[in-house]
C-alpha atoms as a PDB file:
ATOM      1  CA  MET A   1      -8.465  27.967 -12.157  1.00  0.00           C
ATOM      2  CA  ASP A   2     -10.267  29.044  -8.451  1.00  0.00           C
ATOM      3  CA  ALA A   3      -9.891  26.783  -5.814  1.00  0.00           C
ATOM      4  CA  PHE A   4     -13.835  25.835  -6.113  1.00  0.00           C
ATOM      5  CA  LYS A   5     -13.355  24.521  -9.554  1.00  0.00           C
ATOM      6  CA  ARG A   6     -10.301  23.032  -8.657  1.00  0.00           C
ATOM      7  CA  GLN A   7     -11.913  21.095  -5.889  1.00  0.00           C
ATOM      8  CA  SER A   8     -14.821  19.929  -8.139  1.00  0.00           C
ATOM      9  CA  VAL A   9     -12.679  18.315 -10.902  1.00  0.00           C
ATOM     10  CA  ALA A  10     -10.188  16.700  -8.107  1.00  0.00           C
ATOM     11  CA  ASP A  11     -10.015  12.742  -8.046  1.00  0.00           C
ATOM     12  CA  HIS A  12      -7.746  12.232  -5.555  1.00  0.00           C
ATOM     13  CA  ARG A  13      -7.284   8.363  -5.873  1.00  0.00           C
ATOM     14  CA  ILE A  14      -5.178   5.632  -7.343  1.00  0.00           C
ATOM     15  CA  LYS A  15      -7.009   4.587 -10.713  1.00  0.00           C
ATOM     16  CA  GLN A  16      -4.298   1.797 -11.526  1.00  0.00           C
ATOM     17  CA  ILE A  17      -1.470   0.145  -9.563  1.00  0.00           C
ATOM     18  CA  LYS A  18       1.518  -1.977 -10.536  1.00  0.00           C
ATOM     19  CA  LEU A  19       3.873  -3.614  -8.675  1.00  0.00           C
ATOM     20  CA  ASP A  20       7.458  -3.674  -9.516  1.00  0.00           C
ATOM     21  CA  GLU A  21       7.493  -7.373 -10.523  1.00  0.00           C
ATOM     22  CA  ARG A  22      11.602  -7.418 -10.313  1.00  0.00           C
ATOM     23  CA  SER A  23      11.039  -6.247  -6.672  1.00  0.00           C
ATOM     24  CA  ILE A  24       9.442  -9.747  -6.028  1.00  0.00           C
ATOM     25  CA  LEU A  25      11.310 -13.239  -5.858  1.00  0.00           C
ATOM     26  CA  TRP A  26       8.804 -15.712  -4.786  1.00  0.00           C
ATOM     27  CA  ARG A  27       5.065 -15.868  -3.604  1.00  0.00           C
ATOM     28  CA  ASN A  28       3.000 -18.818  -2.271  1.00  0.00           C
ATOM     29  CA  ALA A  29      -0.703 -19.346  -3.076  1.00  0.00           C
ATOM     30  CA  ASP A  30      -1.789 -17.549   0.758  1.00  0.00           C
ATOM     31  CA  VAL A  31       0.334 -14.327  -0.185  1.00  0.00           C
ATOM     32  CA  GLU A  32      -0.359 -14.103  -4.050  1.00  0.00           C
ATOM     33  CA  GLN A  33      -4.164 -13.956  -3.217  1.00  0.00           C
ATOM     34  CA  GLU A  34      -3.581 -11.373  -0.205  1.00  0.00           C
ATOM     35  CA  ARG A  35      -2.110  -9.427  -3.079  1.00  0.00           C
ATOM     36  CA  ARG A  36      -4.966  -9.564  -5.623  1.00  0.00           C
ATOM     37  CA  ILE A  37      -7.523  -8.605  -2.924  1.00  0.00           C
ATOM     38  CA  ALA A  38      -5.467  -5.216  -1.638  1.00  0.00           C
ATOM     39  CA  ILE A  39      -5.163  -4.570  -5.595  1.00  0.00           C
ATOM     40  CA  TYR A  40      -8.987  -4.883  -5.935  1.00  0.00           C
ATOM     41  CA  ASP A  41      -9.712  -3.311  -2.860  1.00  0.00           C
ATOM     42  CA  LEU A  42      -7.337  -0.506  -3.212  1.00  0.00           C
ATOM     43  CA  ILE A  43      -8.698   0.557  -6.730  1.00  0.00           C
ATOM     44  CA  GLU A  44     -12.309   0.003  -5.661  1.00  0.00           C
ATOM     45  CA  GLU A  45     -12.013   2.262  -3.117  1.00  0.00           C
ATOM     46  CA  ASN A  46      -9.035   4.544  -1.795  1.00  0.00           C
ATOM     47  CA  SER A  47      -8.436   8.087  -1.381  1.00  0.00           C
ATOM     48  CA  PHE A  48      -4.904   9.180  -2.363  1.00  0.00           C
ATOM     49  CA  ARG A  49      -3.861  13.071  -2.339  1.00  0.00           C
ATOM     50  CA  PRO A  50      -0.380  13.883  -3.455  1.00  0.00           C
ATOM     51  CA  GLU A  51       0.236  17.276  -1.389  1.00  0.00           C
ATOM     52  CA  ARG A  52       2.288  18.939  -3.962  1.00  0.00           C
ATOM     53  CA  GLU A  53       0.543  20.920  -6.285  1.00  0.00           C
ATOM     54  CA  TYR A  54       1.345  20.513  -9.969  1.00  0.00           C
ATOM     55  CA  PRO A  55       1.599  23.136 -12.450  1.00  0.00           C
ATOM     56  CA  ASP A  56      -1.442  22.914 -14.496  1.00  0.00           C
ATOM     57  CA  ASP A  57      -3.644  21.705 -11.347  1.00  0.00           C
ATOM     58  CA  TYR A  58      -3.833  18.246 -11.796  1.00  0.00           C
ATOM     59  CA  ALA A  59      -5.596  16.314  -8.871  1.00  0.00           C
ATOM     60  CA  GLY A  60      -6.000  12.680 -10.144  1.00  0.00           C
ATOM     61  CA  PRO A  61      -6.424  10.263 -10.941  1.00  0.00           C
ATOM     62  CA  TYR A  62      -3.194   8.540 -10.383  1.00  0.00           C
ATOM     63  CA  LEU A  63      -1.402   5.646 -11.820  1.00  0.00           C
ATOM     64  CA  LEU A  64       0.788   4.181  -9.542  1.00  0.00           C
ATOM     65  CA  ASP A  65       3.785   1.982  -9.676  1.00  0.00           C
ATOM     66  CA  LEU A  66       5.200   0.887  -6.505  1.00  0.00           C
ATOM     67  CA  GLY A  67       8.471  -0.791  -6.112  1.00  0.00           C
ATOM     68  CA  VAL A  68      11.418  -1.318  -3.847  1.00  0.00           C
ATOM     69  CA  GLU A  69      15.099  -0.072  -4.887  1.00  0.00           C
ATOM     70  CA  GLU A  70      17.991  -0.652  -2.359  1.00  0.00           C
ATOM     71  CA  GLY A  71      16.120  -0.862   0.271  1.00  0.00           C
ATOM     72  CA  ARG A  72      13.465   2.431  -0.511  1.00  0.00           C
ATOM     73  CA  LEU A  73      10.233   2.217  -1.157  1.00  0.00           C
ATOM     74  CA  VAL A  74       9.749   4.183  -4.587  1.00  0.00           C
ATOM     75  CA  LEU A  75       6.357   5.563  -5.499  1.00  0.00           C
ATOM     76  CA  ALA A  76       6.160   6.448  -8.975  1.00  0.00           C
ATOM     77  CA  LEU A  77       3.008   8.611  -9.827  1.00  0.00           C
ATOM     78  CA  SER A  78       1.621   9.487 -13.445  1.00  0.00           C
ATOM     79  CA  ARG A  79      -1.206  11.065 -14.883  1.00  0.00           C
ATOM     80  CA  GLU A  80      -4.424   9.040 -16.210  1.00  0.00           C
ATOM     81  CA  ASP A  81      -2.833   9.176 -20.107  1.00  0.00           C
ATOM     82  CA  GLY A  82       0.626   7.765 -18.188  1.00  0.00           C
ATOM     83  CA  THR A  83       2.715  11.152 -18.378  1.00  0.00           C
ATOM     84  CA  PRO A  84       4.717  10.947 -15.417  1.00  0.00           C
ATOM     85  CA  LEU A  85       3.967  13.427 -12.423  1.00  0.00           C
ATOM     86  CA  GLU A  86       7.247  12.579  -9.877  1.00  0.00           C
ATOM     87  CA  LYS A  87       8.882   9.686  -8.172  1.00  0.00           C
ATOM     88  CA  LEU A  88       8.868   9.565  -4.517  1.00  0.00           C
ATOM     89  CA  ILE A  89      11.808   7.597  -2.559  1.00  0.00           C
ATOM     90  CA  LEU A  90      10.888   6.669   1.115  1.00  0.00           C
ATOM     91  CA  SER A  91      13.401   5.138   3.842  1.00  0.00           C
ATOM     92  CA  LEU A  92      11.638   1.950   4.711  1.00  0.00           C
ATOM     93  CA  GLY A  93      13.094   2.054   8.304  1.00  0.00           C
ATOM     94  CA  THR A  94      10.339   2.862  10.518  1.00  0.00           C
ATOM     95  CA  LEU A  95       8.517  -0.294   8.684  1.00  0.00           C
ATOM     96  CA  ARG A  96      11.086  -2.658   8.756  1.00  0.00           C
ATOM     97  CA  ARG A  97       9.890  -4.420  12.331  1.00  0.00           C
ATOM     98  CA  PRO A  98       6.302  -4.505  11.036  1.00  0.00           C
ATOM     99  CA  ILE A  99       6.830  -5.966   8.148  1.00  0.00           C
ATOM    100  CA  ARG A 100       8.552  -8.889   9.583  1.00  0.00           C
ATOM    101  CA  ASP A 101       6.039  -9.343  12.318  1.00  0.00           C
ATOM    102  CA  TYR A 102       3.416  -9.092   9.630  1.00  0.00           C
ATOM    103  CA  PHE A 103       5.205 -11.627   8.018  1.00  0.00           C
ATOM    104  CA  ALA A 104       5.563 -13.785  11.397  1.00  0.00           C
ATOM    105  CA  ILE A 105       1.956 -13.435  11.959  1.00  0.00           C
ATOM    106  CA  CYS A 106       0.864 -14.268   9.207  1.00  0.00           C
ATOM    107  CA  ASP A 107       2.600 -17.542   8.514  1.00  0.00           C
ATOM    108  CA  SER A 108       0.881 -18.426  12.193  1.00  0.00           C
ATOM    109  CA  TYR A 109      -2.235 -17.267  10.410  1.00  0.00           C
ATOM    110  CA  TYR A 110      -2.070 -19.469   7.638  1.00  0.00           C
ATOM    111  CA  ASP A 111      -0.836 -22.296   9.802  1.00  0.00           C
ATOM    112  CA  ALA A 112      -3.918 -21.951  11.972  1.00  0.00           C
ATOM    113  CA  ILE A 113      -6.228 -21.673   9.287  1.00  0.00           C
ATOM    114  CA  ARG A 114      -4.865 -25.574   8.125  1.00  0.00           C
ATOM    115  CA  HIS A 115      -4.384 -26.918  11.875  1.00  0.00           C
ATOM    116  CA  ALA A 116      -6.257 -24.827  14.848  1.00  0.00           C
ATOM    117  CA  SER A 117      -9.473 -24.604  16.318  1.00  0.00           C
ATOM    118  CA  PRO A 118     -11.813 -21.782  15.338  1.00  0.00           C
ATOM    119  CA  ALA A 119     -11.064 -19.764  18.513  1.00  0.00           C
ATOM    120  CA  GLN A 120      -7.131 -20.526  18.004  1.00  0.00           C
ATOM    121  CA  ILE A 121      -7.664 -19.070  14.043  1.00  0.00           C
ATOM    122  CA  GLU A 122      -9.593 -16.085  15.422  1.00  0.00           C
ATOM    123  CA  THR A 123      -7.004 -15.462  17.938  1.00  0.00           C
ATOM    124  CA  VAL A 124      -4.100 -15.257  15.805  1.00  0.00           C
ATOM    125  CA  ASP A 125      -6.216 -13.198  13.155  1.00  0.00           C
ATOM    126  CA  MET A 126      -6.937 -10.361  15.918  1.00  0.00           C
ATOM    127  CA  ALA A 127      -3.510 -10.442  16.548  1.00  0.00           C
ATOM    128  CA  ARG A 128      -2.832 -10.221  12.852  1.00  0.00           C
ATOM    129  CA  ARG A 129      -5.240  -7.313  12.610  1.00  0.00           C
ATOM    130  CA  GLY A 130      -3.756  -5.206  14.998  1.00  0.00           C
ATOM    131  CA  ILE A 131      -0.032  -5.625  13.599  1.00  0.00           C
ATOM    132  CA  HIS A 132      -1.671  -4.600   9.922  1.00  0.00           C
ATOM    133  CA  ASN A 133      -3.602  -1.753  11.470  1.00  0.00           C
ATOM    134  CA  ASP A 134      -0.321  -0.472  13.474  1.00  0.00           C
ATOM    135  CA  ALA A 135       1.724  -0.518  10.212  1.00  0.00           C
ATOM    136  CA  ALA A 136      -1.198   1.440   8.565  1.00  0.00           C
ATOM    137  CA  ASP A 137      -0.944   4.249  10.695  1.00  0.00           C
ATOM    138  CA  LEU A 138       2.967   4.163  10.838  1.00  0.00           C
ATOM    139  CA  LEU A 139       2.977   4.371   6.598  1.00  0.00           C
ATOM    140  CA  LYS A 140       0.192   7.219   7.115  1.00  0.00           C
ATOM    141  CA  ASP A 141       2.731   8.981   9.214  1.00  0.00           C
ATOM    142  CA  ARG A 142       5.639   8.181   6.953  1.00  0.00           C
ATOM    143  CA  LEU A 143       3.745   9.612   3.572  1.00  0.00           C
ATOM    144  CA  ALA A 144       2.752  12.811   5.715  1.00  0.00           C
ATOM    145  CA  GLY A 145       3.665  15.863   4.021  1.00  0.00           C
ATOM    146  CA  LYS A 146       4.141  14.091   0.710  1.00  0.00           C
ATOM    147  CA  ILE A 147       0.757  12.324   0.096  1.00  0.00           C
ATOM    148  CA  GLU A 148      -2.433  12.019   1.972  1.00  0.00           C
ATOM    149  CA  VAL A 149      -4.223   8.682   2.186  1.00  0.00           C
ATOM    150  CA  ASP A 150      -7.121   7.460   4.163  1.00  0.00           C
ATOM    151  CA  PHE A 151      -6.559   4.599   6.643  1.00  0.00           C
ATOM    152  CA  ASN A 152      -8.112   1.666   4.512  1.00  0.00           C
ATOM    153  CA  THR A 153      -5.745   2.910   1.751  1.00  0.00           C
ATOM    154  CA  ALA A 154      -2.877   3.009   3.511  1.00  0.00           C
ATOM    155  CA  ARG A 155      -3.569  -0.390   5.150  1.00  0.00           C
ATOM    156  CA  ARG A 156      -3.747  -1.950   1.294  1.00  0.00           C
ATOM    157  CA  LEU A 157      -0.497  -0.275   0.538  1.00  0.00           C
ATOM    158  CA  PHE A 158       1.010  -1.604   3.532  1.00  0.00           C
ATOM    159  CA  THR A 159      -0.111  -5.028   2.053  1.00  0.00           C
ATOM    160  CA  LEU A 160       1.356  -4.474  -1.147  1.00  0.00           C
ATOM    161  CA  ILE A 161       4.692  -3.143   0.470  1.00  0.00           C
ATOM    162  CA  CYS A 162       5.105  -6.473   2.236  1.00  0.00           C
ATOM    163  CA  VAL A 163       4.287  -8.518  -0.910  1.00  0.00           C
ATOM    164  CA  LEU A 164       7.413  -6.309  -2.457  1.00  0.00           C
ATOM    165  CA  HIS A 165       9.586  -7.700   0.682  1.00  0.00           C
ATOM    166  CA  ILE A 166       9.308 -11.647   0.099  1.00  0.00           C
ATOM    167  CA  ARG A 167      12.314 -12.888  -0.436  1.00  0.00           C
ATOM    168  CA  GLY A 168      11.436 -16.704  -0.176  1.00  0.00           C
END
């Protein structure tokens, strides 16, 4: 198949995402709502292109199982029919601090929503978005050479990675 035909049938996106529920020990209602929104937004609009070429030129859409095993991020990719394509295992070292910082600012944000003035809520929310954006950039860098994602996809994936790190 020539490059033009391959590109015309390419569907570089995530069609379905599942989180490894064994990785998640506890979630409160706020976190559960963020998880639902992140998954919905991710499925509605994403750009996800593994940089490895598959033998039959398969180019999406992808099913993604996201989990954490032994402190590493596991991305198990499958074809639309469920046939496995590959499993990527990535160190989370560069994301540990942003995950911690994001949890801390989210706690402040949820507290502010309940007790603070609108101006205080806006300040905390701006800080939360800044941490989230920086973490999305780090995730894009971490995936470079393996999977190409756009900024919004990286942002939503970071939210889901955080959900996988909740320990109660």
